[in-house]
Amino acid sequence: NNTGLFQVSAANATGVWSGYPGQFLNSGTLTVTGTTSAVGIAMGYFEGGSVTNSGTITVTASSGTAYGITVGGLDEVLNITNTGTITAQHAIYEANSSSPAQTPVLHLANSGAINGDIVLGQGPGIWTGGPGQSAGAQIHNTGEINGAIHLDANGNDLYDGRGRTQTGGIYLGGGTDTVYLGDDGEIVHAGSGSAVVTGGAGGDAYVFDPSVASNLEITNLSPA
């Protein structure tokens, strides 16, 4: 629980590391500065837990990759609540580290600012059949997300950004995804699964990928 100023600087810098389930609360300032890599909060081999941020998390790497929150492990639910600011090249990043391939299922409630990409990896594991067998990520954005969102590959994901802002594009996965766009004009990129996309008040765009087969239902999409 950080309520003050927490600063870390190193060549390969990590602010907080947790090997197993836990809760991390930040209402202060967490700043991590690295050279070849930098991680704000590393959740390790994850099997449940949460991150709640009402302060500021800033992670930079001068010649490498910067991660705000990283997590790997089993497909348990990861709860992240952000009412503050998270800034990193990859604000939230899930790494595939289990067999069969799976990553935690993100439940994100953002009413603050997230500056950086959100990359969700495989999502729930596939035990029988193919993608789309299980509930996937749920992202509720009532603030702003300035970075690409890559939904998970296996799950049936939800992105709800109605009335708010997102830049960098939304990349669909392999399940049956549901997307509600905001009012600032957003871009949705095709995945390998199915999707229902509902446009907002801005000029929206959908980018098809001729190399993958996908099923799409579009409602109220205003051309950019």
C-alpha atoms as a PDB file:
ATOM      1  CA  ASN A   1       0.000   0.000   0.000  1.00  0.00           C
ATOM      2  CA  ASN A   2       1.764   3.137  -1.213  1.00  0.00           C
ATOM      3  CA  THR A   3       0.439   6.471  -0.013  1.00  0.00           C
ATOM      4  CA  GLY A   4       3.577   8.540  -0.522  1.00  0.00           C
ATOM      5  CA  LEU A   5       6.443   8.797  -2.995  1.00  0.00           C
ATOM      6  CA  PHE A   6       8.022   5.521  -4.162  1.00  0.00           C
ATOM      7  CA  GLN A   7      10.872   5.815  -6.686  1.00  0.00           C
ATOM      8  CA  VAL A   8      13.032   3.089  -8.261  1.00  0.00           C
ATOM      9  CA  SER A   9      15.862   3.555 -10.747  1.00  0.00           C
ATOM     10  CA  ALA A  10      18.079   0.786 -12.211  1.00  0.00           C
ATOM     11  CA  ALA A  11      19.167  -0.715 -15.528  1.00  0.00           C
ATOM     12  CA  ASN A  12      16.422  -3.359 -15.221  1.00  0.00           C
ATOM     13  CA  ALA A  13      14.075  -1.688 -12.783  1.00  0.00           C
ATOM     14  CA  THR A  14      11.045  -3.167 -10.996  1.00  0.00           C
ATOM     15  CA  GLY A  15       8.977  -1.187  -8.554  1.00  0.00           C
ATOM     16  CA  VAL A  16       6.880  -3.897  -6.866  1.00  0.00           C
ATOM     17  CA  TRP A  17       7.008  -7.677  -7.372  1.00  0.00           C
ATOM     18  CA  SER A  18       4.505 -10.206  -6.042  1.00  0.00           C
ATOM     19  CA  GLY A  19       5.027 -13.903  -6.746  1.00  0.00           C
ATOM     20  CA  TYR A  20       1.516 -15.024  -5.811  1.00  0.00           C
ATOM     21  CA  PRO A  21      -1.949 -13.520  -5.312  1.00  0.00           C
ATOM     22  CA  GLY A  22      -2.077 -10.219  -3.554  1.00  0.00           C
ATOM     23  CA  GLN A  23      -3.564  -6.771  -3.473  1.00  0.00           C
ATOM     24  CA  PHE A  24      -1.665  -3.635  -4.357  1.00  0.00           C
ATOM     25  CA  LEU A  25      -3.061  -0.199  -3.541  1.00  0.00           C
ATOM     26  CA  ASN A  26      -1.485   3.030  -4.714  1.00  0.00           C
ATOM     27  CA  SER A  27      -2.823   6.424  -3.754  1.00  0.00           C
ATOM     28  CA  GLY A  28       0.564   8.105  -3.948  1.00  0.00           C
ATOM     29  CA  THR A  29       3.235   8.367  -6.634  1.00  0.00           C
ATOM     30  CA  LEU A  30       5.062   5.319  -8.009  1.00  0.00           C
ATOM     31  CA  THR A  31       7.859   6.184 -10.430  1.00  0.00           C
ATOM     32  CA  VAL A  32      10.086   3.512 -12.015  1.00  0.00           C
ATOM     33  CA  THR A  33      12.923   4.437 -14.369  1.00  0.00           C
ATOM     34  CA  GLY A  34      15.007   1.871 -16.240  1.00  0.00           C
ATOM     35  CA  THR A  35      17.488   1.650 -19.072  1.00  0.00           C
ATOM     36  CA  THR A  36      16.930  -1.721 -20.782  1.00  0.00           C
ATOM     37  CA  SER A  37      13.598  -2.453 -19.089  1.00  0.00           C
ATOM     38  CA  ALA A  38      11.270  -1.105 -16.419  1.00  0.00           C
ATOM     39  CA  VAL A  39       8.211  -2.554 -14.636  1.00  0.00           C
ATOM     40  CA  GLY A  40       5.957  -0.702 -12.243  1.00  0.00           C
ATOM     41  CA  ILE A  41       4.042  -3.630 -10.707  1.00  0.00           C
ATOM     42  CA  ALA A  42       4.914  -7.256 -11.548  1.00  0.00           C
ATOM     43  CA  MET A  43       2.225  -9.659 -10.344  1.00  0.00           C
ATOM     44  CA  GLY A  44       4.308 -12.768 -11.081  1.00  0.00           C
ATOM     45  CA  TYR A  45       2.601 -16.119 -11.539  1.00  0.00           C
ATOM     46  CA  PHE A  46      -0.889 -14.852 -10.958  1.00  0.00           C
ATOM     47  CA  GLU A  47      -3.797 -16.762  -9.401  1.00  0.00           C
ATOM     48  CA  GLY A  48      -6.171 -14.019  -8.309  1.00  0.00           C
ATOM     49  CA  GLY A  49      -5.738 -10.577  -6.785  1.00  0.00           C
ATOM     50  CA  SER A  50      -6.154  -6.917  -7.600  1.00  0.00           C
ATOM     51  CA  VAL A  51      -4.525  -3.584  -8.289  1.00  0.00           C
ATOM     52  CA  THR A  52      -6.238  -0.356  -7.217  1.00  0.00           C
ATOM     53  CA  ASN A  53      -4.698   2.924  -8.311  1.00  0.00           C
ATOM     54  CA  SER A  54      -5.991   6.353  -7.337  1.00  0.00           C
ATOM     55  CA  GLY A  55      -2.580   7.987  -7.583  1.00  0.00           C
ATOM     56  CA  THR A  56       0.063   8.136 -10.292  1.00  0.00           C
ATOM     57  CA  ILE A  57       2.086   5.253 -11.771  1.00  0.00           C
ATOM     58  CA  THR A  58       4.775   6.333 -14.259  1.00  0.00           C
ATOM     59  CA  VAL A  59       7.217   3.854 -15.827  1.00  0.00           C
ATOM     60  CA  THR A  60       9.886   4.683 -18.423  1.00  0.00           C
ATOM     61  CA  ALA A  61      12.821   2.849 -20.040  1.00  0.00           C
ATOM     62  CA  SER A  62      15.321   4.932 -21.969  1.00  0.00           C
ATOM     63  CA  SER A  63      16.398   2.207 -24.422  1.00  0.00           C
ATOM     64  CA  GLY A  64      14.014  -0.682 -23.771  1.00  0.00           C
ATOM     65  CA  THR A  65      10.415  -1.511 -22.905  1.00  0.00           C
ATOM     66  CA  ALA A  66       8.389  -0.027 -20.070  1.00  0.00           C
ATOM     67  CA  TYR A  67       5.479  -1.871 -18.426  1.00  0.00           C
ATOM     68  CA  GLY A  68       3.040  -0.350 -15.974  1.00  0.00           C
ATOM     69  CA  ILE A  69       1.468  -3.595 -14.708  1.00  0.00           C
ATOM     70  CA  THR A  70       2.583  -7.062 -15.866  1.00  0.00           C
ATOM     71  CA  VAL A  71       1.029 -10.418 -15.022  1.00  0.00           C
ATOM     72  CA  GLY A  72       1.217 -14.047 -16.127  1.00  0.00           C
ATOM     73  CA  GLY A  73      -0.117 -17.365 -14.920  1.00  0.00           C
ATOM     74  CA  LEU A  74      -3.521 -19.016 -14.802  1.00  0.00           C
ATOM     75  CA  ASP A  75      -6.793 -17.682 -16.175  1.00  0.00           C
ATOM     76  CA  GLU A  76      -8.149 -16.365 -12.893  1.00  0.00           C
ATOM     77  CA  VAL A  77      -9.778 -12.934 -12.788  1.00  0.00           C
ATOM     78  CA  LEU A  78      -7.419  -9.968 -12.396  1.00  0.00           C
ATOM     79  CA  ASN A  79      -9.244  -6.901 -11.061  1.00  0.00           C
ATOM     80  CA  ILE A  80      -7.726  -3.517 -11.866  1.00  0.00           C
ATOM     81  CA  THR A  81      -9.459  -0.318 -10.784  1.00  0.00           C
ATOM     82  CA  ASN A  82      -7.929   2.938 -11.952  1.00  0.00           C
ATOM     83  CA  THR A  83      -9.201   6.351 -10.919  1.00  0.00           C
ATOM     84  CA  GLY A  84      -5.759   7.940 -11.191  1.00  0.00           C
ATOM     85  CA  THR A  85      -3.132   7.879 -13.951  1.00  0.00           C
ATOM     86  CA  ILE A  86      -1.060   4.989 -15.330  1.00  0.00           C
ATOM     87  CA  THR A  87       1.621   5.862 -17.901  1.00  0.00           C
ATOM     88  CA  ALA A  88       3.948   3.364 -19.624  1.00  0.00           C
ATOM     89  CA  GLN A  89       4.651   2.041 -23.112  1.00  0.00           C
ATOM     90  CA  HIS A  90       2.543  -0.987 -22.144  1.00  0.00           C
ATOM     91  CA  ALA A  91       0.245   0.182 -19.366  1.00  0.00           C
ATOM     92  CA  ILE A  92      -1.125  -3.353 -18.766  1.00  0.00           C
ATOM     93  CA  TYR A  93       0.618  -6.405 -20.207  1.00  0.00           C
ATOM     94  CA  GLU A  94      -0.214 -10.089 -19.817  1.00  0.00           C
ATOM     95  CA  ALA A  95       2.485 -12.662 -20.622  1.00  0.00           C
ATOM     96  CA  ASN A  96       1.747 -16.264 -21.616  1.00  0.00           C
ATOM     97  CA  SER A  97       3.489 -18.448 -19.046  1.00  0.00           C
ATOM     98  CA  SER A  98       1.275 -21.512 -18.591  1.00  0.00           C
ATOM     99  CA  SER A  99       0.385 -24.716 -20.433  1.00  0.00           C
ATOM    100  CA  PRO A 100      -2.049 -24.848 -22.094  1.00  0.00           C
ATOM    101  CA  ALA A 101      -1.516 -21.221 -23.094  1.00  0.00           C
ATOM    102  CA  GLN A 102      -3.597 -18.920 -20.898  1.00  0.00           C
ATOM    103  CA  THR A 103      -3.397 -15.583 -19.138  1.00  0.00           C
ATOM    104  CA  PRO A 104      -5.465 -13.968 -16.385  1.00  0.00           C
ATOM    105  CA  VAL A 105      -8.884 -12.626 -17.367  1.00  0.00           C
ATOM    106  CA  LEU A 106      -8.782  -8.854 -16.973  1.00  0.00           C
ATOM    107  CA  HIS A 107     -11.637  -6.982 -15.311  1.00  0.00           C
ATOM    108  CA  LEU A 108     -10.682  -3.328 -15.728  1.00  0.00           C
ATOM    109  CA  ALA A 109     -12.697  -0.375 -14.448  1.00  0.00           C
ATOM    110  CA  ASN A 110     -11.073   2.853 -15.610  1.00  0.00           C
ATOM    111  CA  SER A 111     -12.423   6.272 -14.736  1.00  0.00           C
ATOM    112  CA  GLY A 112      -9.006   7.924 -14.770  1.00  0.00           C
ATOM    113  CA  ALA A 113      -6.324   8.080 -17.474  1.00  0.00           C
ATOM    114  CA  ILE A 114      -4.367   5.172 -18.927  1.00  0.00           C
ATOM    115  CA  ASN A 115      -1.531   6.262 -21.203  1.00  0.00           C
ATOM    116  CA  GLY A 116      -0.104   3.215 -22.980  1.00  0.00           C
ATOM    117  CA  ASP A 117      -1.163  -0.015 -24.645  1.00  0.00           C
ATOM    118  CA  ILE A 118      -3.245  -2.746 -23.028  1.00  0.00           C
ATOM    119  CA  VAL A 119      -2.139  -6.214 -24.222  1.00  0.00           C
ATOM    120  CA  LEU A 120      -4.169  -9.168 -22.936  1.00  0.00           C
ATOM    121  CA  GLY A 121      -2.436 -12.277 -24.297  1.00  0.00           C
ATOM    122  CA  GLN A 122      -4.282 -15.597 -24.583  1.00  0.00           C
ATOM    123  CA  GLY A 123      -7.009 -15.123 -21.993  1.00  0.00           C
ATOM    124  CA  PRO A 124      -8.817 -18.231 -20.718  1.00  0.00           C
ATOM    125  CA  GLY A 125      -7.242 -21.573 -21.542  1.00  0.00           C
ATOM    126  CA  ILE A 126      -8.698 -23.804 -24.249  1.00  0.00           C
ATOM    127  CA  TRP A 127      -9.347 -27.304 -22.902  1.00  0.00           C
ATOM    128  CA  THR A 128     -11.758 -28.502 -25.602  1.00  0.00           C
ATOM    129  CA  GLY A 129     -12.926 -26.935 -28.857  1.00  0.00           C
ATOM    130  CA  GLY A 130     -11.541 -23.561 -29.870  1.00  0.00           C
ATOM    131  CA  PRO A 131     -11.683 -19.894 -28.837  1.00  0.00           C
ATOM    132  CA  GLY A 132     -14.992 -18.531 -27.611  1.00  0.00           C
ATOM    133  CA  GLN A 133     -15.719 -21.209 -25.000  1.00  0.00           C
ATOM    134  CA  SER A 134     -15.273 -18.935 -21.972  1.00  0.00           C
ATOM    135  CA  ALA A 135     -15.919 -15.406 -20.767  1.00  0.00           C
ATOM    136  CA  GLY A 136     -12.967 -13.146 -21.465  1.00  0.00           C
ATOM    137  CA  ALA A 137     -11.852  -9.669 -20.496  1.00  0.00           C
ATOM    138  CA  GLN A 138     -14.222  -6.949 -19.353  1.00  0.00           C
ATOM    139  CA  ILE A 139     -13.033  -3.384 -19.858  1.00  0.00           C
ATOM    140  CA  HIS A 140     -15.294  -0.576 -18.663  1.00  0.00           C
ATOM    141  CA  ASN A 141     -13.863   2.800 -19.640  1.00  0.00           C
ATOM    142  CA  THR A 142     -15.525   5.902 -18.238  1.00  0.00           C
ATOM    143  CA  GLY A 143     -12.278   7.867 -18.408  1.00  0.00           C
ATOM    144  CA  GLU A 144      -9.657   7.926 -21.153  1.00  0.00           C
ATOM    145  CA  ILE A 145      -7.374   5.264 -22.619  1.00  0.00           C
ATOM    146  CA  ASN A 146      -4.592   6.638 -24.801  1.00  0.00           C
ATOM    147  CA  GLY A 147      -3.123   3.496 -26.343  1.00  0.00           C
ATOM    148  CA  ALA A 148      -4.069   0.434 -28.354  1.00  0.00           C
ATOM    149  CA  ILE A 149      -6.223  -2.243 -26.731  1.00  0.00           C
ATOM    150  CA  HIS A 150      -5.443  -5.835 -27.777  1.00  0.00           C
ATOM    151  CA  LEU A 151      -8.278  -8.051 -26.543  1.00  0.00           C
ATOM    152  CA  ASP A 152      -7.408 -11.591 -25.535  1.00  0.00           C
ATOM    153  CA  ALA A 153      -7.144 -14.375 -28.107  1.00  0.00           C
ATOM    154  CA  ASN A 154      -9.460 -16.981 -26.583  1.00  0.00           C
ATOM    155  CA  GLY A 155     -12.196 -15.347 -24.546  1.00  0.00           C
ATOM    156  CA  ASN A 156     -15.492 -13.620 -25.288  1.00  0.00           C
ATOM    157  CA  ASP A 157     -14.384 -10.084 -24.440  1.00  0.00           C
ATOM    158  CA  LEU A 158     -16.274  -6.887 -23.643  1.00  0.00           C
ATOM    159  CA  TYR A 159     -15.086  -3.324 -24.190  1.00  0.00           C
ATOM    160  CA  ASP A 160     -17.557  -0.649 -23.073  1.00  0.00           C
ATOM    161  CA  GLY A 161     -16.334   2.888 -23.686  1.00  0.00           C
ATOM    162  CA  ARG A 162     -19.658   4.610 -24.297  1.00  0.00           C
ATOM    163  CA  GLY A 163     -19.411   8.375 -23.978  1.00  0.00           C
ATOM    164  CA  ARG A 164     -15.663   8.391 -23.296  1.00  0.00           C
ATOM    165  CA  THR A 165     -12.374   8.375 -25.228  1.00  0.00           C
ATOM    166  CA  GLN A 166      -9.920   5.816 -26.588  1.00  0.00           C
ATOM    167  CA  THR A 167      -7.073   6.330 -29.043  1.00  0.00           C
ATOM    168  CA  GLY A 168      -4.727   3.816 -30.651  1.00  0.00           C
ATOM    169  CA  GLY A 169      -7.338   1.379 -31.882  1.00  0.00           C
ATOM    170  CA  ILE A 170      -9.101  -1.703 -30.516  1.00  0.00           C
ATOM    171  CA  TYR A 171      -7.824  -5.064 -31.792  1.00  0.00           C
ATOM    172  CA  LEU A 172     -10.366  -7.875 -31.583  1.00  0.00           C
ATOM    173  CA  GLY A 173      -9.498 -11.430 -30.533  1.00  0.00           C
ATOM    174  CA  GLY A 174     -10.584 -14.925 -31.469  1.00  0.00           C
ATOM    175  CA  GLY A 175     -13.719 -15.298 -29.385  1.00  0.00           C
ATOM    176  CA  THR A 176     -17.068 -13.521 -29.640  1.00  0.00           C
ATOM    177  CA  ASP A 177     -16.290  -9.943 -28.665  1.00  0.00           C
ATOM    178  CA  THR A 178     -18.682  -7.104 -27.849  1.00  0.00           C
ATOM    179  CA  VAL A 179     -17.524  -3.515 -28.325  1.00  0.00           C
ATOM    180  CA  TYR A 180     -19.281  -0.238 -27.491  1.00  0.00           C
ATOM    181  CA  LEU A 181     -17.354   2.730 -28.835  1.00  0.00           C
ATOM    182  CA  GLY A 182     -17.081   6.231 -27.381  1.00  0.00           C
ATOM    183  CA  ASP A 183     -17.759   9.602 -28.917  1.00  0.00           C
ATOM    184  CA  ASP A 184     -14.309  10.658 -30.130  1.00  0.00           C
ATOM    185  CA  GLY A 185     -14.005   8.558 -33.295  1.00  0.00           C
ATOM    186  CA  GLU A 186     -12.308   5.187 -32.799  1.00  0.00           C
ATOM    187  CA  ILE A 187     -10.806   2.435 -34.942  1.00  0.00           C
ATOM    188  CA  VAL A 188     -11.617  -1.263 -34.557  1.00  0.00           C
ATOM    189  CA  HIS A 189      -9.329  -3.871 -36.121  1.00  0.00           C
ATOM    190  CA  ALA A 190     -10.639  -7.291 -37.150  1.00  0.00           C
ATOM    191  CA  GLY A 191      -9.827 -10.408 -35.174  1.00  0.00           C
ATOM    192  CA  SER A 192     -10.155 -14.077 -36.046  1.00  0.00           C
ATOM    193  CA  GLY A 193     -13.460 -14.537 -34.200  1.00  0.00           C
ATOM    194  CA  SER A 194     -16.868 -12.889 -34.176  1.00  0.00           C
ATOM    195  CA  ALA A 195     -17.797  -9.439 -32.919  1.00  0.00           C
ATOM    196  CA  VAL A 196     -20.703  -7.092 -32.332  1.00  0.00           C
ATOM    197  CA  VAL A 197     -19.530  -3.483 -32.608  1.00  0.00           C
ATOM    198  CA  THR A 198     -21.744  -0.525 -31.680  1.00  0.00           C
ATOM    199  CA  GLY A 199     -20.471   2.873 -32.781  1.00  0.00           C
ATOM    200  CA  GLY A 200     -20.531   6.130 -30.857  1.00  0.00           C
ATOM    201  CA  ALA A 201     -21.182   9.737 -31.850  1.00  0.00           C
ATOM    202  CA  GLY A 202     -17.763  10.280 -33.454  1.00  0.00           C
ATOM    203  CA  GLY A 203     -16.421   9.193 -36.830  1.00  0.00           C
ATOM    204  CA  ASP A 204     -15.526   5.523 -36.345  1.00  0.00           C
ATOM    205  CA  ALA A 205     -13.710   3.072 -38.628  1.00  0.00           C
ATOM    206  CA  TYR A 206     -13.453  -0.703 -38.930  1.00  0.00           C
ATOM    207  CA  VAL A 207     -10.328  -2.236 -40.472  1.00  0.00           C
ATOM    208  CA  PHE A 208     -10.806  -5.656 -42.089  1.00  0.00           C
ATOM    209  CA  ASP A 209      -8.006  -8.192 -42.371  1.00  0.00           C
ATOM    210  CA  PRO A 210      -8.458 -10.265 -45.551  1.00  0.00           C
ATOM    211  CA  SER A 211      -6.086 -12.928 -44.193  1.00  0.00           C
ATOM    212  CA  VAL A 212      -8.460 -13.997 -41.386  1.00  0.00           C
ATOM    213  CA  ALA A 213     -12.071 -15.138 -41.418  1.00  0.00           C
ATOM    214  CA  SER A 214     -14.338 -13.247 -39.036  1.00  0.00           C
ATOM    215  CA  ASN A 215     -18.044 -12.656 -38.453  1.00  0.00           C
ATOM    216  CA  LEU A 216     -19.076  -9.092 -37.725  1.00  0.00           C
ATOM    217  CA  GLU A 217     -22.234  -7.214 -36.805  1.00  0.00           C
ATOM    218  CA  ILE A 218     -21.934  -3.422 -36.909  1.00  0.00           C
ATOM    219  CA  THR A 219     -24.510  -1.064 -35.398  1.00  0.00           C
ATOM    220  CA  ASN A 220     -24.548   2.745 -35.511  1.00  0.00           C
ATOM    221  CA  LEU A 221     -21.039   3.049 -36.931  1.00  0.00           C
ATOM    222  CA  SER A 222     -20.511   6.597 -38.253  1.00  0.00           C
ATOM    223  CA  PRO A 223     -17.829   6.695 -40.978  1.00  0.00           C
ATOM    224  CA  ALA A 224     -14.625   8.540 -40.081  1.00  0.00           C
END
